[in-house]
Amino acid sequence: MRARDIMDTNFHVLHPHDDIAAAIKKFKSASRKEGKKVFGMMVVDDNDHLVGMLSMYDILIYIQPKNMQVWGEMEDLDPDQVFDEHLNRAKGIQVGDIMTPDVVTIIPRTHILSISDLMIKKHIRRLPVVDQERIVGIVYVSDVFYHMLNRFLD
């Protein structure tokens, strides 16, 4: 079993110049299209070359106010107002500013055991599949798990 056998060839991408608001809209749109929640997307340049990954986690880290841990102690503070102000400031931030630029990739012939090992060791949930600098698919940790599970149950 190789990456080409389990990869999803239907994937969604962002661009580095997209702002966070546009990225969140793309996450929502992709989730509706897929009928499942999309938690991360590849980021490509104008030549469709992979330049990064952006996950919901990356966005949450960025929009989380830095002084969050003291909010419960500050009774005169309206958390909703502070959070809304923080979100409004974050809307103009570009994907390229918060994406993960160093992306681990695999090739179509990568074996499922190597994929699993890489995902476990590096705590990766999705791996772009690249063939000669062209993105041809993506492998999700759930794909690896269920393919191994099905093999186990056969």
Protein backbone atom coordinates (compact mmCIF):
# COMPACT_ATOMS: atom_id res chain seq x y z
CA MET A 1 0.00 0.00 0.00
CA ARG A 2 1.49 3.31 -1.14
CA ALA A 3 0.58 6.99 -0.84
CA ARG A 4 -0.88 6.91 -4.35
CA ASP A 5 -3.33 4.21 -3.19
CA ILE A 6 -4.72 6.15 -0.26
CA MET A 7 -4.19 9.82 -1.09
CA ASP A 8 -7.08 12.18 -1.61
CA THR A 9 -6.77 13.89 -4.98
CA ASN A 10 -9.58 16.31 -4.17
CA PHE A 11 -7.95 19.00 -2.06
CA HIS A 12 -8.33 22.70 -1.41
CA VAL A 13 -5.59 25.31 -1.38
CA LEU A 14 -4.92 28.77 -0.07
CA HIS A 15 -2.52 31.44 -1.30
CA PRO A 16 0.00 33.34 0.84
CA HIS A 17 -1.66 36.66 0.00
CA ASP A 18 -5.13 35.50 1.19
CA ASP A 19 -6.10 37.21 4.41
CA ILE A 20 -7.22 35.23 7.45
CA ALA A 21 -10.88 36.15 6.93
CA ALA A 22 -10.73 34.73 3.38
CA ALA A 23 -8.93 31.62 4.66
CA ILE A 24 -11.62 30.98 7.27
CA LYS A 25 -14.29 31.35 4.56
CA LYS A 26 -12.39 28.81 2.43
CA PHE A 27 -12.24 26.40 5.39
CA LYS A 28 -16.00 26.71 5.82
CA SER A 29 -16.68 26.35 2.09
CA ALA A 30 -14.39 23.32 1.78
CA SER A 31 -16.04 21.72 4.80
CA ARG A 32 -19.48 22.14 3.21
CA LYS A 33 -18.25 20.73 -0.13
CA GLU A 34 -16.55 17.74 1.49
CA GLY A 35 -19.34 17.00 3.93
CA LYS A 36 -16.74 16.85 6.71
CA LYS A 37 -14.73 19.40 8.60
CA VAL A 38 -11.55 20.51 6.88
CA PHE A 39 -8.86 21.34 9.44
CA GLY A 40 -5.91 22.29 7.25
CA MET A 41 -5.03 23.35 3.72
CA MET A 42 -1.96 23.51 1.58
CA VAL A 43 -0.70 26.96 0.61
CA VAL A 44 0.51 27.39 -2.97
CA ASP A 45 2.18 30.20 -4.86
CA ASP A 46 1.00 31.59 -8.20
CA ASN A 47 2.70 28.65 -9.97
CA ASP A 48 0.83 26.11 -7.80
CA HIS A 49 4.02 25.13 -5.98
CA LEU A 50 3.64 24.19 -2.34
CA VAL A 51 4.94 26.95 -0.06
CA GLY A 52 3.29 26.10 3.24
CA MET A 53 0.44 24.64 5.24
CA LEU A 54 -2.19 26.41 7.28
CA SER A 55 -4.28 24.66 9.89
CA MET A 56 -7.13 25.82 12.06
CA TYR A 57 -4.68 25.42 14.93
CA ASP A 58 -2.35 28.02 13.34
CA ILE A 59 -5.25 30.45 13.11
CA LEU A 60 -6.36 29.80 16.69
CA ILE A 61 -2.84 30.37 17.99
CA TYR A 62 -2.69 33.69 16.18
CA ILE A 63 -6.10 35.02 17.23
CA GLN A 64 -5.76 33.88 20.85
CA PRO A 65 -5.01 36.98 22.94
CA LYS A 66 -1.60 36.70 24.58
CA ASN A 67 -2.92 37.63 28.04
CA MET A 68 -5.72 35.06 28.00
CA GLN A 69 -4.64 33.39 31.26
CA VAL A 70 -5.35 36.53 33.35
CA TRP A 71 -8.81 37.30 31.97
CA GLY A 72 -10.58 35.47 34.78
CA GLU A 73 -8.80 37.65 37.32
CA MET A 74 -9.71 40.95 35.66
CA GLU A 75 -13.32 41.64 36.62
CA ASP A 76 -13.46 45.05 34.95
CA LEU A 77 -12.54 43.53 31.57
CA ASP A 78 -15.20 42.57 29.03
CA PRO A 79 -13.68 39.48 27.34
CA ASP A 80 -16.13 39.61 24.43
CA GLN A 81 -15.20 43.19 23.59
CA VAL A 82 -11.46 42.53 23.84
CA PHE A 83 -11.80 39.37 21.75
CA ASP A 84 -13.87 41.17 19.07
CA GLU A 85 -11.25 43.94 18.87
CA HIS A 86 -8.50 41.33 18.58
CA LEU A 87 -10.38 39.49 15.81
CA ASN A 88 -10.93 42.71 13.87
CA ARG A 89 -7.19 43.46 13.99
CA ALA A 90 -6.38 39.91 12.85
CA LYS A 91 -8.66 39.95 9.79
CA GLY A 92 -6.06 41.68 7.62
CA ILE A 93 -3.21 39.31 8.47
CA GLN A 94 -2.15 37.23 5.49
CA VAL A 95 -1.93 33.44 5.33
CA GLY A 96 1.76 33.74 4.45
CA ASP A 97 2.40 35.48 7.77
CA ILE A 98 1.18 32.60 9.95
CA MET A 99 1.43 29.46 7.79
CA THR A 100 3.94 26.73 8.48
CA PRO A 101 6.53 27.23 5.70
CA ASP A 102 8.60 24.08 6.24
CA VAL A 103 6.27 21.40 4.96
CA VAL A 104 7.05 17.71 5.18
CA THR A 105 5.97 16.00 1.96
CA ILE A 106 5.90 12.50 0.57
CA ILE A 107 5.97 11.08 -2.94
CA PRO A 108 3.33 8.81 -4.49
CA ARG A 109 5.38 5.64 -3.95
CA THR A 110 5.94 6.22 -0.20
CA HIS A 111 4.82 3.10 1.69
CA ILE A 112 1.98 3.37 4.22
CA LEU A 113 4.27 2.18 7.03
CA SER A 114 6.71 5.01 6.29
CA ILE A 115 3.80 7.47 6.16
CA SER A 116 2.52 6.25 9.52
CA ASP A 117 5.98 6.44 11.06
CA LEU A 118 6.48 9.98 9.80
CA MET A 119 3.07 11.11 11.04
CA ILE A 120 3.63 9.63 14.49
CA LYS A 121 7.18 10.91 14.96
CA LYS A 122 6.49 14.41 13.68
CA HIS A 123 2.89 14.75 14.99
CA ILE A 124 1.60 15.41 11.48
CA ARG A 125 -2.08 14.99 10.56
CA ARG A 126 -1.81 15.59 6.84
CA LEU A 127 0.97 15.06 4.30
CA PRO A 128 1.01 16.59 0.84
CA VAL A 129 1.92 14.14 -1.90
CA VAL A 130 4.25 15.79 -4.39
CA ASP A 131 5.49 14.45 -7.72
CA GLN A 132 8.18 16.51 -9.48
CA GLU A 133 7.22 19.70 -7.61
CA ARG A 134 3.52 19.24 -8.45
CA ILE A 135 0.96 18.51 -5.73
CA VAL A 136 -0.92 15.38 -6.72
CA GLY A 137 -2.77 14.65 -3.47
CA ILE A 138 -2.84 14.66 0.28
CA VAL A 139 -2.80 11.85 2.83
CA TYR A 140 -4.64 12.34 6.11
CA VAL A 141 -3.84 10.45 9.30
CA SER A 142 -7.40 9.09 9.22
CA ASP A 143 -6.74 7.60 5.75
CA VAL A 144 -3.67 5.81 7.08
CA PHE A 145 -5.49 4.58 10.18
CA TYR A 146 -8.56 3.25 8.38
CA HIS A 147 -6.55 1.56 5.64
CA MET A 148 -4.44 -0.19 8.28
CA LEU A 149 -7.58 -1.02 10.26
CA ASN A 150 -9.28 -2.52 7.22
CA ARG A 151 -6.20 -4.59 6.50
CA PHE A 152 -6.15 -5.72 10.12
CA LEU A 153 -9.80 -6.81 9.96
CA ASP A 154 -9.45 -8.68 6.65
